Amino acid sequence: KNELRTSGAHFLAPVLERPGCLLEELHLFCNYIDVPGAKAICKALKTNQHLRFIDLGLNKVRKRGAAYVLEMLAVNKTLETLALKFNYIPDAWAIKIIKQVVDSSQSSVSDIRLA
């Protein structure tokens, strides 16, 4: 637990966007990241080509943040594990996330942790 918060997510996002970022795992469980922070991280993961695992569990991603996750999953081709447990994501949005992964021929996600 680092208490990165949303402000920290905004500092981390540009690092994840850099072509030279070789980070493969990112553990952000219980870091008080809310919707704007999730938006920044998801935007960065649209271009990141190395991250394989991200744990955003026990934050405050919520329904609006889930929409940013969906956008990111539509273009990210390297993420294999996505952990979003305990984020106040409604069931309907959790289903949308799962459907995005299952229906996408380009997705490499094989492990989704939502509950």
Protein backbone atom coordinates (compact mmCIF):
# COMPACT_ATOMS: atom_id res chain seq x y z
CA LYS A 1 0.00 0.00 0.00
CA ASN A 2 1.63 3.21 -1.19
CA GLU A 3 -1.25 5.69 -1.03
CA LEU A 4 -0.36 6.88 -4.51
CA ARG A 5 -3.75 8.59 -4.87
CA THR A 6 -5.04 10.18 -8.03
CA SER A 7 -2.32 12.84 -8.05
CA GLY A 8 0.30 10.07 -8.10
CA ALA A 9 -1.55 8.30 -10.91
CA HIS A 10 -1.26 11.50 -12.95
CA PHE A 11 2.52 11.49 -12.39
CA LEU A 12 2.79 7.78 -13.19
CA ALA A 13 0.77 7.89 -16.43
CA PRO A 14 3.36 9.77 -18.56
CA VAL A 15 6.01 7.26 -17.46
CA LEU A 16 3.80 4.40 -18.66
CA GLU A 17 3.28 6.19 -21.99
CA ARG A 18 6.99 6.45 -22.77
CA PRO A 19 8.18 4.05 -25.48
CA GLY A 20 11.14 3.07 -23.29
CA CYS A 21 8.95 2.00 -20.35
CA LEU A 22 9.72 -1.70 -19.88
CA LEU A 23 7.63 -2.21 -16.74
CA GLU A 24 5.71 -5.50 -16.95
CA GLU A 25 3.85 -5.54 -13.62
CA LEU A 26 2.14 -2.73 -11.76
CA HIS A 27 0.60 -3.32 -8.34
CA LEU A 28 -1.66 -0.41 -7.38
CA PHE A 29 -3.93 -2.25 -4.94
CA CYS A 30 -5.44 0.06 -2.29
CA ASN A 31 -3.91 3.33 -3.45
CA TYR A 32 -6.93 5.63 -3.25
CA ILE A 33 -7.08 6.04 -7.02
CA ASP A 34 -10.42 7.41 -8.16
CA VAL A 35 -12.00 7.97 -11.58
CA PRO A 36 -9.61 10.71 -12.84
CA GLY A 37 -6.62 8.61 -11.79
CA ALA A 38 -8.04 5.53 -13.51
CA LYS A 39 -8.62 7.64 -16.61
CA ALA A 40 -4.97 8.76 -16.66
CA ILE A 41 -3.65 5.22 -16.21
CA CYS A 42 -6.01 3.75 -18.83
CA LYS A 43 -5.04 6.46 -21.30
CA ALA A 44 -1.39 5.56 -20.78
CA LEU A 45 -2.10 1.86 -21.25
CA LYS A 46 -3.58 2.55 -24.67
CA THR A 47 -0.02 3.04 -25.94
CA ASN A 48 2.02 1.01 -23.45
CA GLN A 49 3.39 -2.13 -25.15
CA HIS A 50 5.07 -3.88 -22.22
CA LEU A 51 2.77 -4.00 -19.21
CA ARG A 52 1.39 -7.52 -18.75
CA PHE A 53 -0.17 -7.24 -15.28
CA ILE A 54 -2.00 -4.44 -13.51
CA ASP A 55 -3.75 -4.60 -10.16
CA LEU A 56 -6.07 -1.68 -9.54
CA GLY A 57 -8.00 -3.50 -6.84
CA LEU A 58 -9.50 -1.69 -3.84
CA ASN A 59 -9.51 1.76 -5.37
CA LYS A 60 -12.48 3.85 -6.49
CA VAL A 61 -12.64 3.15 -10.21
CA ARG A 62 -16.45 2.93 -10.18
CA LYS A 63 -18.72 2.92 -13.25
CA ARG A 64 -17.13 5.94 -14.94
CA GLY A 65 -13.67 4.45 -14.51
CA ALA A 66 -14.90 1.16 -15.92
CA ALA A 67 -15.73 3.03 -19.14
CA TYR A 68 -12.06 4.09 -19.39
CA VAL A 69 -11.00 0.49 -18.79
CA LEU A 70 -13.23 -0.58 -21.70
CA GLU A 71 -11.64 2.02 -23.99
CA MET A 72 -8.17 0.88 -23.01
CA LEU A 73 -8.98 -2.80 -23.54
CA ALA A 74 -10.16 -2.02 -27.06
CA VAL A 75 -6.63 -1.03 -28.10
CA ASN A 76 -4.14 -2.55 -25.64
CA LYS A 77 -2.59 -5.73 -27.04
CA THR A 78 -0.15 -6.74 -24.28
CA LEU A 79 -2.06 -6.75 -21.00
CA GLU A 80 -2.62 -10.32 -19.77
CA THR A 81 -3.95 -9.80 -16.22
CA LEU A 82 -6.39 -7.11 -15.12
CA ALA A 83 -7.35 -7.00 -11.45
CA LEU A 84 -10.19 -4.65 -10.52
CA LYS A 85 -11.56 -6.22 -7.32
CA PHE A 86 -13.41 -4.02 -4.82
CA ASN A 87 -13.84 -0.96 -7.08
CA TYR A 88 -17.57 -0.32 -6.87
CA ILE A 89 -18.00 -1.40 -10.49
CA PRO A 90 -21.63 -2.32 -11.15
CA ASP A 91 -22.29 -5.84 -12.44
CA ALA A 92 -23.47 -4.53 -15.82
CA TRP A 93 -20.10 -2.80 -16.34
CA ALA A 94 -18.17 -5.84 -15.14
CA ILE A 95 -20.00 -7.85 -17.78
CA LYS A 96 -19.10 -5.24 -20.42
CA ILE A 97 -15.42 -5.56 -19.47
CA ILE A 98 -15.54 -9.35 -19.69
CA LYS A 99 -17.40 -9.19 -23.01
CA GLN A 100 -14.82 -6.77 -24.42
CA VAL A 101 -12.03 -9.22 -23.63
CA VAL A 102 -13.87 -12.30 -24.87
CA ASP A 103 -15.13 -10.71 -28.09
CA SER A 104 -11.86 -9.00 -29.03
CA SER A 105 -9.61 -10.93 -31.37
CA GLN A 106 -6.69 -8.65 -30.42
CA SER A 107 -6.95 -8.87 -26.63
CA SER A 108 -4.27 -10.82 -24.79
CA VAL A 109 -6.09 -10.63 -21.42
CA SER A 110 -6.54 -14.12 -20.04
CA ASP A 111 -7.04 -13.28 -16.35
CA ILE A 112 -9.68 -10.79 -15.20
CA ARG A 113 -10.21 -10.34 -11.47
CA LEU A 114 -13.42 -8.47 -10.74
CA ALA A 115 -14.76 -10.09 -7.56
